[in-house]
Protein backbone atom coordinates (compact mmCIF):
# COMPACT_ATOMS: atom_id res chain seq x y z
CA UNK A 1 -19.92 -38.84 12.01
CA UNK A 2 -23.06 -37.12 13.15
CA UNK A 3 -20.75 -34.60 14.91
CA UNK A 4 -18.76 -34.29 11.70
CA UNK A 5 -21.64 -33.87 9.57
CA UNK A 6 -23.23 -31.25 11.99
CA UNK A 7 -19.86 -29.42 12.15
CA UNK A 8 -19.51 -29.08 8.41
CA UNK A 9 -23.47 -27.68 8.56
CA UNK A 10 -22.40 -25.01 10.98
CA UNK A 11 -19.29 -24.26 9.07
CA UNK A 12 -21.17 -23.39 6.18
CA UNK A 13 -23.88 -21.49 7.89
CA UNK A 14 -21.19 -19.44 9.51
CA UNK A 15 -20.01 -18.80 5.76
CA UNK A 16 -22.60 -17.72 4.07
CA UNK A 17 -24.02 -15.56 6.96
CA UNK A 18 -20.51 -13.86 7.19
CA UNK A 19 -20.72 -13.36 3.43
CA UNK A 20 -24.29 -11.77 3.44
CA UNK A 21 -23.27 -9.55 6.40
CA UNK A 22 -19.97 -8.66 4.84
CA UNK A 23 -21.58 -7.67 1.55
CA UNK A 24 -24.24 -5.04 3.27
CA UNK A 25 -21.53 -3.42 5.22
CA UNK A 26 -18.79 -3.11 2.52
CA UNK A 27 -21.43 -1.57 0.49
CA UNK A 28 -21.63 1.28 2.31
CA UNK A 29 -18.06 2.61 1.98
CA UNK A 30 -16.75 5.18 0.34
CA UNK A 31 -13.53 4.40 -1.93
CA UNK A 32 -11.96 7.55 -1.09
CA UNK A 33 -11.26 7.08 2.53
CA UNK A 34 -8.86 5.10 4.62
CA UNK A 35 -10.00 1.53 4.87
CA UNK A 36 -8.89 1.20 8.40
CA UNK A 37 -11.29 4.03 9.39
CA UNK A 38 -13.82 2.66 7.29
CA UNK A 39 -13.80 -1.16 7.99
CA UNK A 40 -16.20 -2.38 11.35
CA UNK A 41 -14.70 -4.52 14.09
CA UNK A 42 -16.35 -7.35 12.98
CA UNK A 43 -14.45 -7.52 9.79
CA UNK A 44 -12.16 -9.56 11.76
CA UNK A 45 -14.49 -12.27 12.12
CA UNK A 46 -12.86 -14.24 9.14
CA UNK A 47 -9.59 -13.75 10.57
CA UNK A 48 -11.22 -15.28 13.93
CA UNK A 49 -12.65 -18.08 12.23
CA UNK A 50 -9.38 -19.12 10.62
CA UNK A 51 -7.94 -19.20 14.24
CA UNK A 52 -11.05 -21.14 15.55
CA UNK A 53 -10.75 -23.84 12.78
CA UNK A 54 -6.91 -24.28 13.47
CA UNK A 55 -8.02 -24.88 17.06
CA UNK A 56 -11.39 -26.98 17.15
CA UNK A 57 -11.25 -28.88 13.98
CA UNK A 58 -8.35 -31.10 14.84
CA UNK A 59 -10.12 -31.62 18.14
CA UNK A 60 -13.74 -32.29 16.96
CA UNK A 61 -13.20 -33.67 13.67
CA UNK A 62 -9.44 -34.54 13.33
CA UNK A 63 -10.15 -36.47 9.90
CA UNK A 64 -12.28 -33.85 8.57
CA UNK A 65 -9.22 -31.57 9.26
CA UNK A 66 -6.79 -33.63 7.97
CA UNK A 67 -8.14 -34.16 4.45
CA UNK A 68 -9.86 -30.63 4.05
CA UNK A 69 -7.98 -28.06 5.91
CA UNK A 70 -7.19 -26.44 2.48
CA UNK A 71 -10.56 -26.08 1.39
CA UNK A 72 -11.93 -25.10 5.09
CA UNK A 73 -9.10 -21.85 5.36
CA UNK A 74 -9.80 -20.91 1.86
CA UNK A 75 -13.33 -20.57 2.58
CA UNK A 76 -12.67 -18.25 5.28
CA UNK A 77 -10.18 -16.18 2.83
CA UNK A 78 -12.97 -16.12 0.24
CA UNK A 79 -15.71 -15.19 2.69
CA UNK A 80 -13.42 -11.61 3.61
CA UNK A 81 -11.88 -11.43 -0.22
CA UNK A 82 -15.15 -11.52 -2.42
CA UNK A 83 -17.18 -8.90 -0.92
CA UNK A 84 -13.95 -6.90 0.17
CA UNK A 85 -13.04 -6.87 -3.63
CA UNK A 86 -16.76 -6.17 -4.89
CA UNK A 87 -16.95 -3.08 -3.22
CA UNK A 88 -13.70 -1.71 -2.53
CA UNK A 89 -12.35 -2.69 -5.89
CA UNK A 90 -9.15 -0.92 -6.25
CA UNK A 91 -8.50 -0.49 -2.90
CA UNK A 92 -8.94 -4.13 -1.76
CA UNK A 93 -7.19 -5.17 -4.75
CA UNK A 94 -4.22 -2.98 -3.77
CA UNK A 95 -4.43 -4.52 -0.13
CA UNK A 96 -4.42 -8.04 -1.05
CA UNK A 97 -1.37 -7.28 -3.74
CA UNK A 98 0.29 -5.68 -1.03
CA UNK A 99 0.22 -8.55 1.30
CA UNK A 100 0.87 -11.21 -1.13
CA UNK A 101 3.88 -9.57 -2.95
CA UNK A 102 5.38 -7.63 -0.26
CA UNK A 103 4.62 -9.49 2.90
CA UNK A 104 3.53 -13.30 2.24
CA UNK A 105 5.80 -14.36 -0.84
CA UNK A 106 8.94 -12.98 1.09
CA UNK A 107 7.87 -14.55 4.30
CA UNK A 108 7.36 -18.18 2.60
CA UNK A 109 10.67 -17.78 0.75
CA UNK A 110 12.68 -16.88 3.82
CA UNK A 111 11.06 -19.85 5.82
CA UNK A 112 11.35 -22.14 2.90
CA UNK A 113 15.29 -21.38 2.48
CA UNK A 114 16.01 -22.11 6.14
CA UNK A 115 13.94 -24.77 6.48
CA UNK A 116 15.57 -26.27 3.32
CA UNK A 117 19.36 -25.45 4.30
CA UNK A 118 18.85 -26.58 7.76
CA UNK A 119 17.38 -30.01 6.16
CA UNK A 120 20.77 -30.50 4.70
CA UNK A 121 22.59 -30.21 7.87
CA UNK A 122 22.71 -33.70 10.05
CA UNK A 123 24.30 -33.60 13.50
CA UNK A 124 24.67 -36.91 14.79
CA UNK A 125 25.86 -38.69 17.99
CA UNK A 126 25.08 -39.16 21.23
CA UNK A 127 22.46 -36.60 22.02
CA UNK A 128 19.69 -38.48 24.08
CA UNK A 129 18.05 -36.11 26.29
CA UNK A 130 18.32 -36.01 29.95
CA UNK A 131 17.76 -32.92 31.68
CA UNK A 132 21.13 -31.69 31.71
CA UNK A 133 21.82 -32.13 28.19
CA UNK A 134 18.34 -30.43 27.29
CA UNK A 135 19.17 -27.57 29.18
CA UNK A 136 22.38 -27.25 27.51
CA UNK A 137 20.93 -27.68 23.91
CA UNK A 138 18.01 -25.23 24.89
CA UNK A 139 20.71 -22.58 26.47
CA UNK A 140 23.23 -22.60 23.67
CA UNK A 141 20.02 -22.12 20.89
CA UNK A 142 18.78 -19.60 22.86
CA UNK A 143 21.95 -17.71 22.72
CA UNK A 144 22.06 -18.22 18.85
CA UNK A 145 18.75 -17.20 17.64
CA UNK A 146 19.41 -13.49 17.79
CA UNK A 147 22.36 -13.80 15.72
CA UNK A 148 21.08 -16.23 12.82
CA UNK A 149 17.15 -15.35 13.55
CA UNK A 150 14.59 -16.89 15.59
CA UNK A 151 13.32 -19.09 12.23
CA UNK A 152 17.18 -20.07 11.67
CA UNK A 153 17.88 -21.17 15.10
CA UNK A 154 14.56 -23.14 15.15
CA UNK A 155 14.77 -24.71 11.92
CA UNK A 156 18.70 -25.25 12.32
CA UNK A 157 18.41 -27.04 15.75
CA UNK A 158 15.06 -28.73 16.13
CA UNK A 159 16.03 -31.73 14.52
CA UNK A 160 18.91 -32.59 17.20
CA UNK A 161 16.70 -31.90 19.80
CA UNK A 162 13.72 -34.06 18.49
CA UNK A 163 16.22 -36.91 17.89
CA UNK A 164 17.65 -36.38 21.35
CA UNK A 165 14.08 -37.08 23.16
CA UNK A 166 12.50 -39.10 20.61
CA UNK A 167 12.50 -42.64 22.71
CA UNK A 168 11.19 -40.62 25.89
CA UNK A 169 7.80 -40.90 27.14
CA UNK A 170 7.63 -37.83 28.51
CA UNK A 171 8.84 -35.23 25.64
CA UNK A 172 6.63 -32.58 24.46
CA UNK A 173 7.16 -30.23 26.97
CA UNK A 174 11.05 -30.10 25.56
CA UNK A 175 9.25 -28.75 22.13
CA UNK A 176 7.23 -26.33 24.30
CA UNK A 177 9.87 -25.04 26.03
CA UNK A 178 11.78 -24.86 22.95
CA UNK A 179 9.44 -22.68 21.12
CA UNK A 180 9.31 -20.61 24.18
CA UNK A 181 13.10 -19.70 24.10
CA UNK A 182 14.54 -20.65 20.70
CA UNK A 183 11.81 -19.28 18.38
CA UNK A 184 10.61 -16.45 20.37
CA UNK A 185 12.59 -14.78 23.47
CA UNK A 186 16.20 -15.52 22.10
CA UNK A 187 15.97 -13.43 19.41
CA UNK A 188 15.36 -9.76 20.91
CA UNK A 189 19.01 -8.79 21.28
CA UNK A 190 19.90 -7.67 17.59
CA UNK A 191 17.66 -6.95 14.41
CA UNK A 192 18.76 -9.78 12.94
CA UNK A 193 16.60 -12.09 15.61
CA UNK A 194 13.13 -11.22 15.24
CA UNK A 195 11.12 -9.46 12.10
CA UNK A 196 9.86 -6.38 14.18
CA UNK A 197 12.98 -5.51 15.49
CA UNK A 198 14.75 -5.63 11.81
CA UNK A 199 11.60 -3.47 10.92
CA UNK A 200 12.37 -1.35 13.75
CA UNK A 201 15.93 -0.95 12.60
CA UNK A 202 14.48 -0.15 8.81
CA UNK A 203 12.64 2.87 10.41
CA UNK A 204 15.54 4.24 12.43
CA UNK A 205 16.41 2.31 15.46
CA UNK A 206 19.80 1.92 16.00
CA UNK A 207 21.51 -1.69 15.14
CA UNK A 208 22.79 -2.14 18.47
CA UNK A 209 20.10 -0.40 20.54
CA UNK A 210 18.30 -3.86 20.95
CA UNK A 211 21.37 -5.36 23.06
CA UNK A 212 20.42 -3.20 25.88
CA UNK A 213 17.31 -5.67 26.16
CA UNK A 214 19.91 -8.31 27.45
CA UNK A 215 18.30 -7.76 30.93
CA UNK A 216 15.05 -8.60 30.45
CA UNK A 217 16.09 -11.76 28.05
CA UNK A 218 18.58 -13.10 30.51
CA UNK A 219 16.15 -12.83 33.46
CA UNK A 220 13.22 -14.42 31.42
CA UNK A 221 15.62 -17.25 29.97
CA UNK A 222 17.22 -18.11 33.13
CA UNK A 223 13.82 -18.26 34.77
CA UNK A 224 12.31 -20.52 31.92
CA UNK A 225 15.10 -22.78 31.90
CA UNK A 226 14.96 -23.16 35.61
CA UNK A 227 11.15 -24.06 35.34
CA UNK A 228 12.26 -26.43 32.61
CA UNK A 229 14.87 -28.16 34.19
CA UNK A 230 12.29 -28.62 37.35
CA UNK A 231 9.86 -30.20 35.13
CA UNK A 232 12.24 -32.36 33.23
CA UNK A 233 13.79 -33.68 36.04
CA UNK A 234 10.28 -34.53 37.49
CA UNK A 235 9.51 -36.54 34.28
CA UNK A 236 13.13 -38.07 33.74
CA UNK A 237 12.41 -39.89 37.11
CA UNK A 238 9.66 -41.67 35.50
CA UNK A 239 11.44 -42.66 32.50
CA UNK A 240 12.38 -46.29 31.85
CA UNK A 241 15.54 -47.53 33.19
CA UNK A 242 16.59 -48.58 29.88
CA UNK A 243 16.27 -44.79 28.25
CA UNK A 244 18.59 -43.39 31.21
CA UNK A 245 21.40 -46.05 30.81
CA UNK A 246 21.45 -45.38 27.10
CA UNK A 247 21.90 -42.04 27.37
CA UNK A 248 25.22 -42.53 29.41
CA UNK A 249 26.93 -44.40 26.18
CA UNK A 250 29.06 -42.05 24.35
CA UNK A 251 29.14 -41.52 20.65
CA UNK A 252 31.11 -38.46 19.46
CA UNK A 253 29.16 -35.73 17.70
CA UNK A 254 29.73 -35.29 14.08
CA UNK A 255 27.99 -32.74 11.49
CA UNK A 256 27.50 -33.96 7.73
CA UNK A 257 26.35 -31.31 5.25
CA UNK A 258 28.85 -28.61 6.63
CA UNK A 259 28.90 -26.58 3.09
CA UNK A 260 25.19 -25.63 4.03
CA UNK A 261 26.52 -23.36 6.61
CA UNK A 262 27.62 -21.20 3.49
CA UNK A 263 24.38 -21.07 2.30
CA UNK A 264 22.96 -20.06 5.50
CA UNK A 265 25.49 -17.27 5.75
CA UNK A 266 24.54 -16.17 2.31
CA UNK A 267 21.14 -16.00 3.85
CA UNK A 268 21.83 -14.03 6.66
CA UNK A 269 23.99 -11.81 4.38
CA UNK A 270 21.00 -11.17 2.00
CA UNK A 271 18.76 -10.47 4.67
CA UNK A 272 21.17 -7.94 6.11
CA UNK A 273 22.03 -6.19 2.63
CA UNK A 274 18.33 -5.48 2.12
CA UNK A 275 18.58 -3.56 5.25
CA UNK A 276 21.21 -1.39 4.42
CA UNK A 277 21.04 -0.72 0.85
CA UNK A 278 18.11 1.53 -0.73
CA UNK A 279 18.89 2.23 -3.95
CA UNK A 280 15.24 3.60 -4.43
CA UNK A 281 11.90 2.08 -5.28
CA UNK A 282 9.51 1.09 -8.53
CA UNK A 283 6.06 1.63 -8.65
CA UNK A 284 4.10 -0.92 -10.53
CA UNK A 285 0.39 -0.48 -10.20
CA UNK A 286 0.36 1.37 -6.98
CA UNK A 287 2.72 -1.04 -5.39
CA UNK A 288 6.22 0.44 -4.27
CA UNK A 289 8.50 -2.22 -5.26
CA UNK A 290 12.17 -1.79 -3.71
CA UNK A 291 14.86 -3.60 -5.55
CA UNK A 292 16.84 -4.65 -2.33
CA UNK A 293 14.17 -6.68 -1.34
CA UNK A 294 13.58 -8.31 -4.89
CA UNK A 295 17.40 -8.95 -4.83
CA UNK A 296 17.23 -10.65 -1.15
CA UNK A 297 14.63 -12.82 -2.45
CA UNK A 298 16.44 -14.03 -5.60
CA UNK A 299 19.32 -14.29 -3.18
CA UNK A 300 17.28 -16.92 -0.97
CA UNK A 301 16.03 -18.77 -3.57
CA UNK A 302 19.70 -19.24 -4.89
CA UNK A 303 20.69 -20.33 -1.47
CA UNK A 304 17.80 -22.56 -1.23
CA UNK A 305 18.17 -24.07 -4.69
CA UNK A 306 22.00 -24.61 -3.77
CA UNK A 307 21.34 -26.22 -0.72
CA UNK A 308 18.87 -28.76 -1.92
CA UNK A 309 21.07 -29.88 -4.79
CA UNK A 310 24.16 -30.15 -3.01
CA UNK A 311 23.08 -31.89 -0.30
CA UNK A 312 23.37 -35.70 -0.30
CA UNK A 313 20.50 -37.93 -0.41
CA UNK A 314 21.39 -39.79 2.66
CA UNK A 315 21.55 -36.66 4.90
CA UNK A 316 17.77 -35.88 3.89
CA UNK A 317 17.22 -39.06 4.39
CA UNK A 318 18.70 -39.49 8.23
CA UNK A 319 17.01 -35.80 8.81
CA UNK A 320 13.51 -37.12 7.44
CA UNK A 321 13.59 -34.04 4.97
CA UNK A 322 10.13 -33.58 3.38
CA UNK A 323 8.09 -30.63 2.06
CA UNK A 324 5.25 -31.57 4.59
CA UNK A 325 5.83 -29.22 7.03
CA UNK A 326 6.50 -26.28 4.46
CA UNK A 327 3.16 -26.97 2.45
CA UNK A 328 1.11 -26.99 5.68
CA UNK A 329 2.71 -23.31 6.87
CA UNK A 330 2.12 -22.28 3.43
CA UNK A 331 -1.50 -22.88 3.20
CA UNK A 332 -2.52 -21.95 6.98
CA UNK A 333 -0.53 -18.81 6.65
CA UNK A 334 -1.76 -17.73 3.35
CA UNK A 335 -5.00 -17.88 4.97
CA UNK A 336 -4.04 -16.01 7.91
CA UNK A 337 -2.17 -13.14 5.86
CA UNK A 338 -5.54 -12.56 3.97
CA UNK A 339 -7.94 -12.42 6.62
CA UNK A 340 -5.93 -10.39 9.16
CA UNK A 341 -5.70 -7.57 6.60
CA UNK A 342 -8.74 -5.74 8.14
CA UNK A 343 -7.03 -6.16 11.71
CA UNK A 344 -3.99 -4.57 10.72
CA UNK A 345 -5.71 -1.78 8.82
CA UNK A 346 -8.32 -0.87 11.51
CA UNK A 347 -5.21 -0.94 13.93
CA UNK A 348 -3.29 1.36 11.50
CA UNK A 349 -5.90 3.65 11.64
CA UNK A 350 -5.51 4.43 15.26
CA UNK A 351 -8.06 6.33 16.73
CA UNK A 352 -9.97 6.93 13.72
CA UNK A 353 -10.35 3.14 13.72
CA UNK A 354 -12.98 1.05 14.97
CA UNK A 355 -10.63 -0.51 17.56
CA UNK A 356 -9.56 2.67 19.03
CA UNK A 357 -10.69 1.68 22.49
CA UNK A 358 -7.44 -0.45 22.45
CA UNK A 359 -5.20 2.44 21.39
CA UNK A 360 -6.88 4.91 23.74
CA UNK A 361 -6.45 2.38 26.63
CA UNK A 362 -2.46 2.31 25.88
CA UNK A 363 -0.98 4.84 27.84
CA UNK A 364 2.24 3.62 29.92
CA UNK A 365 5.08 1.27 29.14
CA UNK A 366 3.37 -1.69 30.77
CA UNK A 367 0.46 -0.93 28.62
CA UNK A 368 2.49 -1.21 25.54
CA UNK A 369 4.03 -4.25 26.54
CA UNK A 370 1.06 -6.00 27.04
CA UNK A 371 -0.99 -4.31 24.08
CA UNK A 372 1.70 -5.05 21.57
CA UNK A 373 2.38 -8.44 22.87
CA UNK A 374 -1.07 -9.97 23.29
CA UNK A 375 -1.88 -8.81 19.64
CA UNK A 376 1.60 -10.40 18.63
CA UNK A 377 0.38 -13.28 19.87
CA UNK A 378 -2.40 -13.64 17.02
CA UNK A 379 -1.50 -11.13 14.40
CA UNK A 380 1.71 -10.52 12.33
CA UNK A 381 4.11 -9.24 15.17
CA UNK A 382 6.14 -7.05 12.46
CA UNK A 383 3.07 -4.42 11.62
CA UNK A 384 1.93 -4.55 15.40
CA UNK A 385 5.39 -3.40 16.60
CA UNK A 386 5.01 -0.76 13.90
CA UNK A 387 1.65 0.44 14.93
CA UNK A 388 2.48 0.62 18.39
CA UNK A 389 5.99 2.19 17.80
CA UNK A 390 3.81 5.06 15.66
CA UNK A 391 1.29 5.33 18.68
CA UNK A 392 4.04 6.12 20.93
CA UNK A 393 5.85 8.48 18.81
CA UNK A 394 2.54 10.51 17.89
CA UNK A 395 1.65 10.68 21.51
CA UNK A 396 5.27 11.88 22.90
CA UNK A 397 6.50 13.62 19.59
CA UNK A 398 3.44 14.80 17.46
CA UNK A 399 4.36 16.36 14.22
CA UNK A 400 8.02 15.15 14.41
CA UNK A 401 9.70 13.13 11.48
CA UNK A 402 9.78 9.95 12.05
CA UNK A 403 13.80 9.36 12.60
CA UNK A 404 13.87 12.33 14.61
CA UNK A 405 10.95 11.21 16.64
CA UNK A 406 12.74 7.65 17.35
CA UNK A 407 15.88 9.59 18.12
CA UNK A 408 14.14 11.29 20.92
CA UNK A 409 12.58 8.62 22.22
CA UNK A 410 15.43 6.45 22.62
CA UNK A 411 17.13 9.51 24.49
CA UNK A 412 14.34 10.46 26.67
CA UNK A 413 11.72 7.63 26.78
CA UNK A 414 13.49 4.41 25.90
CA UNK A 415 11.29 2.62 28.15
CA UNK A 416 8.43 2.71 25.64
CA UNK A 417 10.73 1.48 23.02
CA UNK A 418 11.89 -1.42 24.98
CA UNK A 419 8.33 -2.43 25.88
CA UNK A 420 7.07 -2.55 22.43
CA UNK A 421 10.17 -4.40 21.23
CA UNK A 422 9.92 -6.86 24.44
CA UNK A 423 6.11 -7.63 23.95
CA UNK A 424 6.37 -8.11 19.95
CA UNK A 425 9.16 -10.80 20.64
CA UNK A 426 8.45 -12.15 23.72
CA UNK A 427 4.77 -12.83 23.52
CA UNK A 428 4.89 -14.22 19.97
CA UNK A 429 5.17 -17.35 22.22
CA UNK A 430 1.77 -17.43 23.47
CA UNK A 431 0.30 -19.37 20.43
CA UNK A 432 1.49 -21.62 17.76
CA UNK A 433 0.60 -18.60 15.26
CA UNK A 434 2.38 -15.85 17.43
CA UNK A 435 5.71 -16.29 15.38
CA UNK A 436 6.15 -18.39 12.00
CA UNK A 437 8.95 -20.87 13.59
CA UNK A 438 6.04 -22.09 16.01
CA UNK A 439 4.15 -23.62 13.88
CA UNK A 440 7.05 -25.13 11.68
CA UNK A 441 8.37 -26.61 15.12
CA UNK A 442 5.01 -28.04 15.90
CA UNK A 443 4.71 -29.77 12.40
CA UNK A 444 8.24 -31.31 12.39
CA UNK A 445 7.67 -32.92 16.21
CA UNK A 446 4.62 -33.88 14.80
CA UNK A 447 6.45 -35.90 12.06
CA UNK A 448 8.87 -36.96 14.62
CA UNK A 449 6.14 -38.70 16.42
CA UNK A 450 5.61 -36.14 19.10
CA UNK A 451 2.05 -36.13 20.07
CA UNK A 452 1.48 -31.96 20.21
CA UNK A 453 -1.07 -30.21 22.28
CA UNK A 454 -3.91 -28.54 20.39
CA UNK A 455 -4.22 -24.92 19.78
CA UNK A 456 -6.09 -24.31 22.54
CA UNK A 457 -4.04 -26.87 24.86
CA UNK A 458 -0.88 -25.31 24.14
CA UNK A 459 -2.33 -22.26 25.43
CA UNK A 460 -4.16 -23.34 28.38
CA UNK A 461 -1.51 -25.82 29.53
CA UNK A 462 1.24 -24.23 28.72
CA UNK A 463 1.14 -20.16 27.87
CA UNK A 464 -1.03 -19.31 30.21
CA UNK A 465 0.29 -21.02 33.46
CA UNK A 466 4.13 -20.50 32.35
CA UNK A 467 4.52 -17.70 29.91
CA UNK A 468 2.01 -15.25 31.23
CA UNK A 469 2.66 -15.74 34.76
CA UNK A 470 6.48 -14.95 33.86
CA UNK A 471 5.57 -11.73 31.64
CA UNK A 472 3.58 -10.38 34.94
CA UNK A 473 7.06 -10.69 36.70
CA UNK A 474 8.68 -9.22 33.96
CA UNK A 475 6.38 -6.37 33.94
CA UNK A 476 6.54 -5.88 37.66
CA UNK A 477 10.40 -5.78 37.86
CA UNK A 478 11.20 -3.87 34.46
CA UNK A 479 8.12 -1.45 33.87
């Protein structure tokens, strides 16, 4: 109780201190300049506050976080938004509206649609997880991620994995490797796999170019599956004999709710068409609204509605379907999208921004791999990808139109594009917030009774010793 009260007092002090300093810093801004060139480096502190709240509150004051996390992350958002709006006015309003309407709302529509459709597909039968079964399941799902997206593969396939391992004593590592492989690394072969690659496709990278990344994906996938098999075999030896014998009992695999695969196909078609159909744009209050994106979101909502109302109630019950994970993701990512505006604006300003030291330090393909990757671990990986793509084009082909420069980059210096693509996709697995499916998988696993590691527990116990070590090996071999 004492610790909780003290934590509250410290939090309020931080909020008001940041609000005070933000007000003074923003007051010096000139509304005629680019925001990214004006914002100080410490304007990313509210974003860091959101990350630290997600990391520390569940450890130090779990009860407070459970009941009040919407208020806590809203406080961080307001710490940025109020002085930002007051001093930057139209520029700030434009940035916030752009983030809300063009980024956050479509993001949540896609996540909610895939979550709802996958909740209507029930795979039943004997899938209690032995090491061999788990490796096969992870391999298949990793292969699917590039074709139905990391979000689609994660939402569709996580429930069978959770049910297969639910009764094991040692099971959390399986969910962690699922996040590594299915929710991130498996999505690097097509623009459908992960948002940064889709963004690259929209900016002129050929649709099939990403298939060239198969060597890096195969190497890393086999390496991680080998590590997983060794770890799972070790833990399997410690499981109760009854669980092991139960896995030998055979029950046929059956799938209920097959009609939802039609809605899944409709979802993928809507996303693909939004990247191929470009009828122009409407400008409303300074915001460019693209009809293809509006059509995509309407189609996605129709797919969501169709899946929700045509799925039998017992399927939702068997899948333990609820809106809890979506509600949590909506709240936390709402704060993340809001507070990361300064960080992305400063990075997009490149050498003119207060984080120019990062841009100056990035020169070789290996640098691009790690810079785009580390930032994608905490920021939205799609704009991070685009920022470093623009940086490489500006450095190698200054004053050349973007699509021509990308064509030259692919012909003459494709390793740079490969490094940016792989860093943005692979290293989204480094944290729970590096890619949207990560947090969704965590929330669903906790709903199934899995005691998932904390934010820092995930990083220090899993991603640093396993992933980062593997990425160093990838750098040494390929870059």
